[in-house]
Amino acid sequence: MPMRIGPLLALALVLAPPAAAQPATERIGAWLLTCMTDRMTDRTECRLRHRDPVEGGDAPLHLEIVERGGRYLPVLVARDVTLEGAARVLTALTATAQMRFPPARLFEMPCGLAGRSVLCAPRPEDSARAAEEMLRSRTVLVRLVGLGGAGADAPPVELQMDGIEEAIGRLRARATPGRSVPEAPPGFSLPDLFRRLQDLF
């Protein structure tokens, strides 16, 4: 005997929003590729990040690969920082990230706020070499150097680059072209920093 449902329940079922699509994550060597497609626009947003954080805590800092004008670049990102992660913002925004793909020489990446995320990215003059060296190196070294050179003597964090070419190939095939992380503004003074923090929180 067929089950009958009342008119209110039937209306609720019709008007209920569809279940939200869950991001799909795949592991490629040392990398995690997470993608989600917007069913309204068919735009696919992807994040390609290293499986191991550069620094942990309330707002972990990760090595990510992002697209900039058709070029794939390494960046350091602490995404969607909350009030609990304010220390991460202060640390990152008063520091410069050093990155090196041995045996090439290091390059520096200024840090800034991009929306609610902290982003450290190569300068325009270093972008081409960063993109090329990333594909050739088996490891990457990362270190944050604070104001006055604080931390310059600390040992860098070393991450393996296993599977980087395949991971970027899948990112290129899956993601809709465009910036997955907005560009951070250039460095600013301490009054600018405190004003931005007040706006953020």
N, C-alpha and C. Protein backbone atom coordinates (compact mmCIF):
# COMPACT_ATOMS: atom_id res chain seq x y z
N MET A 1 0.86 -1.19 0.00
CA MET A 1 0.00 0.00 0.00
C MET A 1 0.89 1.24 0.00
N PRO A 2 0.73 2.17 -0.96
CA PRO A 2 1.63 3.33 -1.04
C PRO A 2 1.47 4.24 0.17
N MET A 3 2.60 4.82 0.60
CA MET A 3 2.58 5.71 1.76
C MET A 3 2.14 7.10 1.30
N ARG A 4 1.26 7.73 2.06
CA ARG A 4 0.77 9.05 1.75
C ARG A 4 1.46 10.08 2.66
N ILE A 5 1.75 11.23 2.09
CA ILE A 5 2.35 12.31 2.88
C ILE A 5 1.41 13.50 2.83
N GLY A 6 1.41 14.26 3.90
CA GLY A 6 0.54 15.42 3.97
C GLY A 6 1.01 16.54 3.06
N PRO A 7 0.13 17.50 2.77
CA PRO A 7 0.48 18.61 1.86
C PRO A 7 1.62 19.47 2.38
N LEU A 8 1.70 19.69 3.71
CA LEU A 8 2.79 20.51 4.24
C LEU A 8 4.13 19.82 4.08
N LEU A 9 4.15 18.51 4.32
CA LEU A 9 5.40 17.76 4.17
C LEU A 9 5.82 17.74 2.71
N ALA A 10 4.86 17.59 1.81
CA ALA A 10 5.18 17.59 0.39
C ALA A 10 5.77 18.93 -0.03
N LEU A 11 5.19 20.04 0.47
CA LEU A 11 5.70 21.36 0.14
C LEU A 11 7.11 21.56 0.68
N ALA A 12 7.34 21.05 1.90
CA ALA A 12 8.67 21.18 2.49
C ALA A 12 9.71 20.43 1.67
N LEU A 13 9.34 19.27 1.15
CA LEU A 13 10.28 18.49 0.34
C LEU A 13 10.59 19.20 -0.96
N VAL A 14 9.60 19.86 -1.54
CA VAL A 14 9.81 20.58 -2.80
C VAL A 14 10.70 21.79 -2.60
N LEU A 15 10.47 22.52 -1.48
CA LEU A 15 11.20 23.76 -1.25
C LEU A 15 12.55 23.55 -0.58
N ALA A 16 12.82 22.36 -0.10
CA ALA A 16 14.09 22.11 0.60
C ALA A 16 15.25 22.31 -0.36
N PRO A 17 16.30 23.03 0.06
CA PRO A 17 17.45 23.23 -0.81
C PRO A 17 18.19 21.92 -1.02
N PRO A 18 18.83 21.76 -2.19
CA PRO A 18 19.58 20.54 -2.43
C PRO A 18 20.76 20.44 -1.48
N ALA A 19 21.16 19.22 -1.19
CA ALA A 19 22.31 19.01 -0.29
C ALA A 19 23.55 19.65 -0.88
N ALA A 20 24.31 20.35 -0.02
CA ALA A 20 25.52 21.02 -0.49
C ALA A 20 26.54 19.99 -0.95
N ALA A 21 27.16 20.29 -2.07
CA ALA A 21 28.19 19.40 -2.60
C ALA A 21 29.41 19.43 -1.68
N GLN A 22 29.97 18.27 -1.39
CA GLN A 22 31.14 18.19 -0.55
C GLN A 22 32.40 18.25 -1.40
N PRO A 23 33.41 19.00 -0.96
CA PRO A 23 34.64 19.06 -1.75
C PRO A 23 35.27 17.67 -1.88
N ALA A 24 35.80 17.40 -3.04
CA ALA A 24 36.48 16.12 -3.27
C ALA A 24 37.98 16.36 -3.17
N THR A 25 38.66 15.56 -2.34
CA THR A 25 40.09 15.70 -2.13
C THR A 25 40.80 14.45 -2.62
N GLU A 26 41.86 14.67 -3.41
CA GLU A 26 42.69 13.56 -3.85
C GLU A 26 44.13 13.84 -3.49
N ARG A 27 44.85 12.78 -3.18
CA ARG A 27 46.26 12.91 -2.80
C ARG A 27 47.13 12.55 -3.98
N ILE A 28 48.09 13.44 -4.26
CA ILE A 28 49.03 13.25 -5.36
C ILE A 28 50.43 13.44 -4.81
N GLY A 29 51.12 12.37 -4.50
CA GLY A 29 52.43 12.49 -3.88
C GLY A 29 52.32 13.21 -2.54
N ALA A 30 53.04 14.32 -2.41
CA ALA A 30 53.03 15.09 -1.17
C ALA A 30 51.93 16.15 -1.15
N TRP A 31 51.01 16.11 -2.14
CA TRP A 31 50.06 17.20 -2.33
C TRP A 31 48.62 16.74 -2.16
N LEU A 32 47.77 17.67 -1.71
CA LEU A 32 46.34 17.43 -1.58
C LEU A 32 45.61 18.41 -2.49
N LEU A 33 44.82 17.88 -3.42
CA LEU A 33 44.04 18.70 -4.35
C LEU A 33 42.57 18.59 -3.96
N THR A 34 41.98 19.71 -3.56
CA THR A 34 40.58 19.75 -3.16
C THR A 34 39.82 20.66 -4.12
N CYS A 35 38.76 20.13 -4.72
CA CYS A 35 37.99 20.89 -5.71
C CYS A 35 36.51 20.85 -5.37
N MET A 36 35.82 21.92 -5.71
CA MET A 36 34.37 22.00 -5.58
C MET A 36 33.82 22.78 -6.75
N THR A 37 32.75 22.28 -7.36
CA THR A 37 32.12 22.93 -8.50
C THR A 37 30.82 23.59 -8.06
N ASP A 38 30.67 24.87 -8.41
CA ASP A 38 29.45 25.61 -8.14
C ASP A 38 28.40 25.16 -9.16
N ARG A 39 27.31 24.58 -8.68
CA ARG A 39 26.30 24.03 -9.59
C ARG A 39 25.56 25.12 -10.36
N MET A 40 25.61 26.37 -9.88
CA MET A 40 24.93 27.45 -10.57
C MET A 40 25.77 27.99 -11.73
N THR A 41 27.09 28.13 -11.49
CA THR A 41 27.95 28.75 -12.51
C THR A 41 28.84 27.74 -13.23
N ASP A 42 28.89 26.50 -12.73
CA ASP A 42 29.79 25.48 -13.27
C ASP A 42 31.26 25.86 -13.11
N ARG A 43 31.53 26.82 -12.25
CA ARG A 43 32.92 27.21 -11.99
C ARG A 43 33.50 26.28 -10.93
N THR A 44 34.68 25.73 -11.21
CA THR A 44 35.33 24.82 -10.28
C THR A 44 36.48 25.52 -9.58
N GLU A 45 36.40 25.59 -8.27
CA GLU A 45 37.47 26.17 -7.45
C GLU A 45 38.28 25.03 -6.85
N CYS A 46 39.59 25.14 -6.95
CA CYS A 46 40.48 24.09 -6.42
C CYS A 46 41.55 24.72 -5.54
N ARG A 47 41.97 23.94 -4.54
CA ARG A 47 43.11 24.33 -3.72
C ARG A 47 44.12 23.19 -3.77
N LEU A 48 45.34 23.54 -4.10
CA LEU A 48 46.43 22.55 -4.12
C LEU A 48 47.41 22.96 -3.03
N ARG A 49 47.48 22.16 -1.97
CA ARG A 49 48.38 22.49 -0.87
C ARG A 49 49.19 21.27 -0.48
N HIS A 50 50.31 21.56 0.18
CA HIS A 50 51.17 20.49 0.67
C HIS A 50 50.50 19.79 1.84
N ARG A 51 50.74 18.49 1.96
CA ARG A 51 50.08 17.71 3.02
C ARG A 51 50.56 18.12 4.41
N ASP A 52 51.78 18.68 4.52
CA ASP A 52 52.33 19.05 5.82
C ASP A 52 52.33 20.57 5.96
N PRO A 53 51.82 21.10 7.07
CA PRO A 53 51.85 22.55 7.26
C PRO A 53 53.27 23.04 7.51
N VAL A 54 53.53 24.27 7.11
CA VAL A 54 54.82 24.91 7.43
C VAL A 54 54.85 25.24 8.91
N GLU A 55 53.73 25.72 9.43
CA GLU A 55 53.56 25.97 10.86
C GLU A 55 52.14 25.61 11.25
N GLY A 56 51.96 25.02 12.43
CA GLY A 56 50.64 24.65 12.90
C GLY A 56 50.01 25.74 13.72
N GLY A 57 49.13 25.36 14.64
CA GLY A 57 48.48 26.34 15.51
C GLY A 57 47.06 26.62 15.09
N ASP A 58 46.50 27.72 15.63
CA ASP A 58 45.11 28.07 15.37
C ASP A 58 44.88 28.46 13.91
N ALA A 59 45.89 29.02 13.27
CA ALA A 59 45.78 29.39 11.86
C ALA A 59 47.00 28.81 11.14
N PRO A 60 46.96 27.52 10.80
CA PRO A 60 48.14 26.88 10.20
C PRO A 60 48.55 27.54 8.89
N LEU A 61 49.86 27.60 8.69
CA LEU A 61 50.44 28.18 7.49
C LEU A 61 50.82 27.06 6.54
N HIS A 62 50.26 27.08 5.34
CA HIS A 62 50.49 26.01 4.37
C HIS A 62 51.18 26.52 3.12
N LEU A 63 51.93 25.64 2.50
CA LEU A 63 52.45 25.89 1.16
C LEU A 63 51.36 25.51 0.16
N GLU A 64 50.95 26.46 -0.66
CA GLU A 64 49.96 26.21 -1.69
C GLU A 64 50.51 26.60 -3.05
N ILE A 65 49.91 26.03 -4.08
CA ILE A 65 50.24 26.39 -5.46
C ILE A 65 49.02 27.09 -6.03
N VAL A 66 49.20 28.34 -6.50
CA VAL A 66 48.08 29.11 -7.03
C VAL A 66 48.41 29.60 -8.43
N GLU A 67 47.35 29.87 -9.18
CA GLU A 67 47.51 30.34 -10.56
C GLU A 67 47.47 31.86 -10.59
N ARG A 68 48.44 32.44 -11.27
CA ARG A 68 48.52 33.88 -11.46
C ARG A 68 48.80 34.14 -12.93
N GLY A 69 47.78 34.56 -13.67
CA GLY A 69 47.98 34.89 -15.07
C GLY A 69 48.50 33.73 -15.90
N GLY A 70 48.04 32.53 -15.60
CA GLY A 70 48.47 31.36 -16.36
C GLY A 70 49.73 30.71 -15.83
N ARG A 71 50.35 31.30 -14.84
CA ARG A 71 51.57 30.75 -14.24
C ARG A 71 51.24 30.22 -12.85
N TYR A 72 51.79 29.05 -12.49
CA TYR A 72 51.52 28.44 -11.19
C TYR A 72 52.68 28.73 -10.25
N LEU A 73 52.35 29.36 -9.11
CA LEU A 73 53.37 29.87 -8.19
C LEU A 73 53.21 29.27 -6.80
N PRO A 74 54.33 29.11 -6.09
CA PRO A 74 54.26 28.68 -4.68
C PRO A 74 53.98 29.89 -3.80
N VAL A 75 53.06 29.74 -2.86
CA VAL A 75 52.77 30.80 -1.89
C VAL A 75 52.59 30.17 -0.53
N LEU A 76 52.67 30.97 0.51
CA LEU A 76 52.34 30.54 1.87
C LEU A 76 51.02 31.20 2.24
N VAL A 77 50.09 30.40 2.74
CA VAL A 77 48.75 30.91 3.03
C VAL A 77 48.28 30.40 4.39
N ALA A 78 47.74 31.31 5.20
CA ALA A 78 46.95 30.95 6.37
C ALA A 78 45.55 31.45 6.05
N ARG A 79 44.63 30.54 5.75
CA ARG A 79 43.31 30.91 5.24
C ARG A 79 42.30 31.17 6.35
N ASP A 80 41.40 32.12 6.05
CA ASP A 80 40.23 32.38 6.89
C ASP A 80 40.60 32.49 8.37
N VAL A 81 41.50 33.43 8.65
CA VAL A 81 41.99 33.61 10.01
C VAL A 81 40.88 34.15 10.91
N THR A 82 40.70 33.53 12.07
CA THR A 82 39.71 33.97 13.05
C THR A 82 40.39 34.79 14.13
N LEU A 83 39.60 35.24 15.09
CA LEU A 83 40.16 36.03 16.19
C LEU A 83 41.19 35.22 16.96
N GLU A 84 40.96 33.90 17.08
CA GLU A 84 41.92 33.04 17.79
C GLU A 84 43.26 32.98 17.06
N GLY A 85 43.24 33.26 15.76
CA GLY A 85 44.48 33.21 14.97
C GLY A 85 45.12 34.56 14.78
N ALA A 86 44.73 35.55 15.60
CA ALA A 86 45.28 36.90 15.45
C ALA A 86 46.80 36.91 15.59
N ALA A 87 47.35 36.03 16.43
CA ALA A 87 48.79 35.97 16.59
C ALA A 87 49.47 35.60 15.27
N ARG A 88 48.81 34.73 14.49
CA ARG A 88 49.36 34.37 13.18
C ARG A 88 49.43 35.60 12.28
N VAL A 89 48.40 36.44 12.31
CA VAL A 89 48.39 37.64 11.49
C VAL A 89 49.54 38.56 11.88
N LEU A 90 49.69 38.80 13.19
CA LEU A 90 50.76 39.68 13.65
C LEU A 90 52.13 39.13 13.29
N THR A 91 52.31 37.83 13.46
CA THR A 91 53.60 37.22 13.13
C THR A 91 53.90 37.33 11.65
N ALA A 92 52.93 36.93 10.83
CA ALA A 92 53.16 36.90 9.39
C ALA A 92 53.34 38.29 8.80
N LEU A 93 52.54 39.25 9.27
CA LEU A 93 52.59 40.57 8.66
C LEU A 93 53.78 41.40 9.12
N THR A 94 54.49 40.96 10.14
CA THR A 94 55.72 41.64 10.54
C THR A 94 56.93 40.80 10.13
N ALA A 95 56.72 39.85 9.23
CA ALA A 95 57.79 38.96 8.80
C ALA A 95 57.88 38.92 7.28
N THR A 96 58.99 38.40 6.81
CA THR A 96 59.18 38.12 5.40
C THR A 96 59.48 36.63 5.27
N ALA A 97 58.82 35.97 4.34
CA ALA A 97 59.06 34.55 4.14
C ALA A 97 60.24 34.37 3.18
N GLN A 98 61.14 33.49 3.57
CA GLN A 98 62.23 33.09 2.69
C GLN A 98 61.91 31.70 2.13
N MET A 99 62.12 31.54 0.82
CA MET A 99 61.86 30.25 0.19
C MET A 99 63.04 29.91 -0.72
N ARG A 100 63.40 28.64 -0.71
CA ARG A 100 64.51 28.19 -1.55
C ARG A 100 64.21 26.79 -2.08
N PHE A 101 64.43 26.63 -3.39
CA PHE A 101 64.35 25.32 -4.02
C PHE A 101 65.78 24.89 -4.36
N PRO A 102 66.43 24.13 -3.46
CA PRO A 102 67.83 23.76 -3.69
C PRO A 102 68.00 23.05 -5.04
N PRO A 103 69.12 23.32 -5.74
CA PRO A 103 70.28 24.12 -5.30
C PRO A 103 70.19 25.60 -5.65
N ALA A 104 69.06 26.08 -6.14
CA ALA A 104 68.92 27.49 -6.50
C ALA A 104 69.00 28.36 -5.24
N ARG A 105 69.27 29.63 -5.43
CA ARG A 105 69.38 30.55 -4.30
C ARG A 105 67.98 30.90 -3.79
N LEU A 106 67.94 31.43 -2.58
CA LEU A 106 66.65 31.77 -1.97
C LEU A 106 66.05 33.02 -2.61
N PHE A 107 64.75 33.19 -2.43
CA PHE A 107 64.09 34.45 -2.75
C PHE A 107 63.15 34.77 -1.60
N GLU A 108 62.82 36.04 -1.46
CA GLU A 108 61.98 36.49 -0.35
C GLU A 108 60.57 36.78 -0.83
N MET A 109 59.60 36.55 0.07
CA MET A 109 58.20 36.75 -0.25
C MET A 109 57.57 37.65 0.82
N PRO A 110 57.21 38.87 0.47
CA PRO A 110 56.52 39.73 1.45
C PRO A 110 55.14 39.17 1.76
N CYS A 111 54.68 39.43 2.97
CA CYS A 111 53.38 38.92 3.42
C CYS A 111 52.39 40.06 3.57
N GLY A 112 51.12 39.75 3.40
CA GLY A 112 50.07 40.74 3.55
C GLY A 112 48.74 40.06 3.80
N LEU A 113 47.72 40.88 4.04
CA LEU A 113 46.36 40.38 4.22
C LEU A 113 45.65 40.35 2.87
N ALA A 114 45.03 39.22 2.57
CA ALA A 114 44.21 39.07 1.38
C ALA A 114 42.84 38.62 1.84
N GLY A 115 41.92 39.56 2.00
CA GLY A 115 40.64 39.23 2.61
C GLY A 115 40.85 38.85 4.06
N ARG A 116 40.42 37.64 4.45
CA ARG A 116 40.63 37.15 5.81
C ARG A 116 41.77 36.14 5.87
N SER A 117 42.62 36.15 4.86
CA SER A 117 43.75 35.22 4.82
C SER A 117 45.06 35.99 4.84
N VAL A 118 46.09 35.34 5.37
CA VAL A 118 47.45 35.87 5.29
C VAL A 118 48.13 35.20 4.11
N LEU A 119 48.74 36.01 3.25
CA LEU A 119 49.34 35.51 2.02
C LEU A 119 50.76 36.04 1.87
N CYS A 120 51.71 35.13 1.65
CA CYS A 120 53.09 35.48 1.34
C CYS A 120 53.38 34.94 -0.06
N ALA A 121 53.69 35.84 -1.01
CA ALA A 121 53.84 35.43 -2.40
C ALA A 121 55.12 36.02 -2.99
N PRO A 122 55.67 35.36 -4.02
CA PRO A 122 56.88 35.90 -4.65
C PRO A 122 56.63 37.27 -5.26
N ARG A 123 57.66 38.10 -5.24
CA ARG A 123 57.58 39.38 -5.93
C ARG A 123 57.51 39.14 -7.44
N PRO A 124 56.96 40.09 -8.20
CA PRO A 124 56.84 39.90 -9.65
C PRO A 124 58.15 39.53 -10.32
N GLU A 125 59.24 40.13 -9.87
CA GLU A 125 60.53 39.85 -10.51
C GLU A 125 61.06 38.44 -10.19
N ASP A 126 60.49 37.78 -9.17
CA ASP A 126 60.92 36.43 -8.81
C ASP A 126 59.92 35.35 -9.25
N SER A 127 58.79 35.77 -9.82
CA SER A 127 57.73 34.81 -10.12
C SER A 127 58.15 33.75 -11.14
N ALA A 128 58.82 34.18 -12.22
CA ALA A 128 59.20 33.23 -13.28
C ALA A 128 60.16 32.17 -12.74
N ARG A 129 61.17 32.59 -12.01
CA ARG A 129 62.15 31.61 -11.51
C ARG A 129 61.53 30.72 -10.45
N ALA A 130 60.62 31.27 -9.62
CA ALA A 130 59.97 30.45 -8.60
C ALA A 130 59.15 29.34 -9.25
N ALA A 131 58.42 29.68 -10.32
CA ALA A 131 57.59 28.69 -11.01
C ALA A 131 58.45 27.60 -11.65
N GLU A 132 59.59 27.97 -12.20
CA GLU A 132 60.46 27.00 -12.86
C GLU A 132 61.22 26.14 -11.86
N GLU A 133 61.80 26.77 -10.84
CA GLU A 133 62.59 26.03 -9.86
C GLU A 133 61.74 25.05 -9.06
N MET A 134 60.48 25.40 -8.84
CA MET A 134 59.57 24.54 -8.10
C MET A 134 59.42 23.18 -8.77
N LEU A 135 59.42 23.16 -10.09
CA LEU A 135 59.22 21.91 -10.83
C LEU A 135 60.48 21.05 -10.88
N ARG A 136 61.64 21.66 -10.66
CA ARG A 136 62.90 20.92 -10.80
C ARG A 136 63.43 20.39 -9.47
N SER A 137 62.99 20.98 -8.36
CA SER A 137 63.58 20.64 -7.07
C SER A 137 62.84 19.50 -6.39
N ARG A 138 63.56 18.72 -5.61
CA ARG A 138 62.96 17.61 -4.86
C ARG A 138 62.49 18.06 -3.48
N THR A 139 63.00 19.21 -3.01
CA THR A 139 62.60 19.74 -1.70
C THR A 139 62.45 21.25 -1.79
N VAL A 140 61.79 21.82 -0.78
CA VAL A 140 61.71 23.26 -0.63
C VAL A 140 62.02 23.60 0.81
N LEU A 141 62.73 24.70 1.01
CA LEU A 141 63.07 25.20 2.34
C LEU A 141 62.31 26.50 2.58
N VAL A 142 61.71 26.63 3.75
CA VAL A 142 60.90 27.81 4.08
C VAL A 142 61.28 28.31 5.47
N ARG A 143 61.38 29.63 5.59
CA ARG A 143 61.66 30.22 6.90
C ARG A 143 61.02 31.61 6.96
N LEU A 144 60.47 31.97 8.12
CA LEU A 144 59.94 33.30 8.36
C LEU A 144 60.95 34.11 9.15
N VAL A 145 61.27 35.28 8.64
CA VAL A 145 62.22 36.18 9.31
C VAL A 145 61.46 37.42 9.75
N GLY A 146 61.50 37.71 11.06
CA GLY A 146 60.73 38.82 11.60
C GLY A 146 61.47 40.14 11.53
N LEU A 147 60.86 41.14 12.17
CA LEU A 147 61.46 42.47 12.20
C LEU A 147 62.84 42.42 12.85
N GLY A 148 63.77 43.16 12.28
CA GLY A 148 65.13 43.20 12.83
C GLY A 148 65.90 41.92 12.62
N GLY A 149 65.41 41.04 11.74
CA GLY A 149 66.12 39.80 11.45
C GLY A 149 65.84 38.67 12.42
N ALA A 150 64.82 38.84 13.26
CA ALA A 150 64.49 37.77 14.22
C ALA A 150 64.14 36.49 13.49
N GLY A 151 64.75 35.39 13.93
CA GLY A 151 64.49 34.10 13.32
C GLY A 151 65.37 33.77 12.13
N ALA A 152 66.27 34.68 11.76
CA ALA A 152 67.11 34.46 10.59
C ALA A 152 68.08 33.30 10.80
N ASP A 153 68.37 32.96 12.05
CA ASP A 153 69.29 31.85 12.34
C ASP A 153 68.56 30.54 12.63
N ALA A 154 67.24 30.57 12.63
CA ALA A 154 66.47 29.35 12.90
C ALA A 154 66.57 28.40 11.71
N PRO A 155 66.59 27.09 11.96
CA PRO A 155 66.63 26.15 10.84
C PRO A 155 65.35 26.25 10.01
N PRO A 156 65.44 26.20 8.69
CA PRO A 156 64.24 26.29 7.87
C PRO A 156 63.43 25.00 7.93
N VAL A 157 62.16 25.12 7.60
CA VAL A 157 61.29 23.95 7.46
C VAL A 157 61.53 23.35 6.08
N GLU A 158 61.73 22.04 6.02
CA GLU A 158 61.98 21.36 4.75
C GLU A 158 60.77 20.50 4.39
N LEU A 159 60.25 20.68 3.18
CA LEU A 159 59.12 19.91 2.68
C LEU A 159 59.53 19.19 1.40
N GLN A 160 59.01 17.97 1.25
CA GLN A 160 59.26 17.20 0.04
C GLN A 160 58.34 17.68 -1.08
N MET A 161 58.83 17.60 -2.32
CA MET A 161 58.08 18.08 -3.48
C MET A 161 57.56 16.93 -4.34
N ASP A 162 57.42 15.75 -3.78
CA ASP A 162 56.99 14.58 -4.55
C ASP A 162 55.69 14.85 -5.29
N GLY A 163 55.66 14.54 -6.58
CA GLY A 163 54.44 14.61 -7.37
C GLY A 163 54.01 15.99 -7.80
N ILE A 164 54.89 16.98 -7.72
CA ILE A 164 54.49 18.36 -8.00
C ILE A 164 54.02 18.55 -9.44
N GLU A 165 54.70 17.94 -10.40
CA GLU A 165 54.30 18.14 -11.81
C GLU A 165 52.92 17.53 -12.07
N GLU A 166 52.70 16.32 -11.57
CA GLU A 166 51.39 15.69 -11.77
C GLU A 166 50.30 16.48 -11.05
N ALA A 167 50.60 16.98 -9.85
CA ALA A 167 49.60 17.73 -9.08
C ALA A 167 49.21 19.01 -9.82
N ILE A 168 50.18 19.73 -10.37
CA ILE A 168 49.86 20.95 -11.11
C ILE A 168 49.10 20.62 -12.38
N GLY A 169 49.45 19.51 -13.03
CA GLY A 169 48.72 19.09 -14.21
C GLY A 169 47.25 18.84 -13.91
N ARG A 170 46.96 18.20 -12.78
CA ARG A 170 45.57 17.94 -12.41
C ARG A 170 44.86 19.23 -12.01
N LEU A 171 45.59 20.12 -11.34
CA LEU A 171 45.01 21.41 -10.99
C LEU A 171 44.63 22.18 -12.24
N ARG A 172 45.51 22.19 -13.22
CA ARG A 172 45.25 22.89 -14.47
C ARG A 172 44.04 22.30 -15.20
N ALA A 173 43.90 20.98 -15.14
CA ALA A 173 42.80 20.32 -15.83
C ALA A 173 41.46 20.50 -15.12
N ARG A 174 41.49 20.63 -13.80
CA ARG A 174 40.24 20.64 -13.03
C ARG A 174 39.70 22.05 -12.77
N ALA A 175 40.58 23.00 -12.45
CA ALA A 175 40.13 24.30 -11.97
C ALA A 175 39.76 25.22 -13.13
N THR A 176 38.75 26.07 -12.89
CA THR A 176 38.42 27.13 -13.82
C THR A 176 39.50 28.20 -13.70
N PRO A 177 40.08 28.67 -14.82
CA PRO A 177 41.14 29.68 -14.73
C PRO A 177 40.71 30.90 -13.93
N GLY A 178 41.60 31.39 -13.12
CA GLY A 178 41.30 32.54 -12.26
C GLY A 178 42.07 32.41 -10.97
N ARG A 179 42.02 33.42 -10.16
CA ARG A 179 42.79 33.45 -8.93
C ARG A 179 42.03 32.80 -7.80
N SER A 180 42.59 31.75 -7.21
CA SER A 180 41.96 31.08 -6.09
C SER A 180 42.25 31.81 -4.78
N VAL A 181 43.27 32.66 -4.78
CA VAL A 181 43.59 33.48 -3.61
C VAL A 181 43.81 34.90 -4.11
N PRO A 182 43.11 35.91 -3.56
CA PRO A 182 43.35 37.27 -4.02
C PRO A 182 44.76 37.72 -3.72
N GLU A 183 45.25 38.67 -4.49
CA GLU A 183 46.60 39.17 -4.25
C GLU A 183 46.62 40.02 -3.00
N ALA A 184 47.70 39.85 -2.23
CA ALA A 184 47.87 40.67 -1.03
C ALA A 184 48.40 42.03 -1.44
N PRO A 185 48.00 43.08 -0.72
CA PRO A 185 48.53 44.41 -1.03
C PRO A 185 50.00 44.48 -0.65
N PRO A 186 50.72 45.50 -1.14
CA PRO A 186 52.12 45.64 -0.75
C PRO A 186 52.25 45.90 0.74
N GLY A 187 53.47 45.78 1.24
CA GLY A 187 53.70 45.96 2.67
C GLY A 187 53.24 47.32 3.17
N PHE A 188 52.93 47.42 4.45
CA PHE A 188 52.43 48.66 5.00
C PHE A 188 53.09 48.92 6.34
N SER A 189 52.89 50.14 6.84
CA SER A 189 53.50 50.54 8.10
C SER A 189 52.73 49.94 9.27
N LEU A 190 53.28 50.10 10.48
CA LEU A 190 52.60 49.58 11.66
C LEU A 190 51.22 50.22 11.87
N PRO A 191 51.05 51.55 11.69
CA PRO A 191 49.68 52.09 11.80
C PRO A 191 48.73 51.46 10.79
N ASP A 192 49.21 51.22 9.57
CA ASP A 192 48.38 50.54 8.57
C ASP A 192 48.01 49.15 9.05
N LEU A 193 48.98 48.45 9.63
CA LEU A 193 48.75 47.09 10.11
C LEU A 193 47.67 47.06 11.18
N PHE A 194 47.76 47.94 12.17
CA PHE A 194 46.78 47.93 13.24
C PHE A 194 45.39 48.33 12.73
N ARG A 195 45.37 49.24 11.76
CA ARG A 195 44.07 49.61 11.19
C ARG A 195 43.45 48.44 10.45
N ARG A 196 44.26 47.70 9.69
CA ARG A 196 43.75 46.52 8.98
C ARG A 196 43.28 45.45 9.95
N LEU A 197 44.02 45.25 11.04
CA LEU A 197 43.61 44.27 12.04
C LEU A 197 42.27 44.65 12.67
N GLN A 198 42.10 45.96 12.95
CA GLN A 198 40.84 46.41 13.53
C GLN A 198 39.69 46.15 12.56
N ASP A 199 39.92 46.39 11.26
CA ASP A 199 38.89 46.13 10.27
C ASP A 199 38.59 44.63 10.16
N LEU A 200 39.64 43.82 10.28
CA LEU A 200 39.47 42.38 10.12
C LEU A 200 38.67 41.77 11.26
N PHE A 201 38.91 42.21 12.50
CA PHE A 201 38.29 41.57 13.66
C PHE A 201 37.25 42.46 14.31
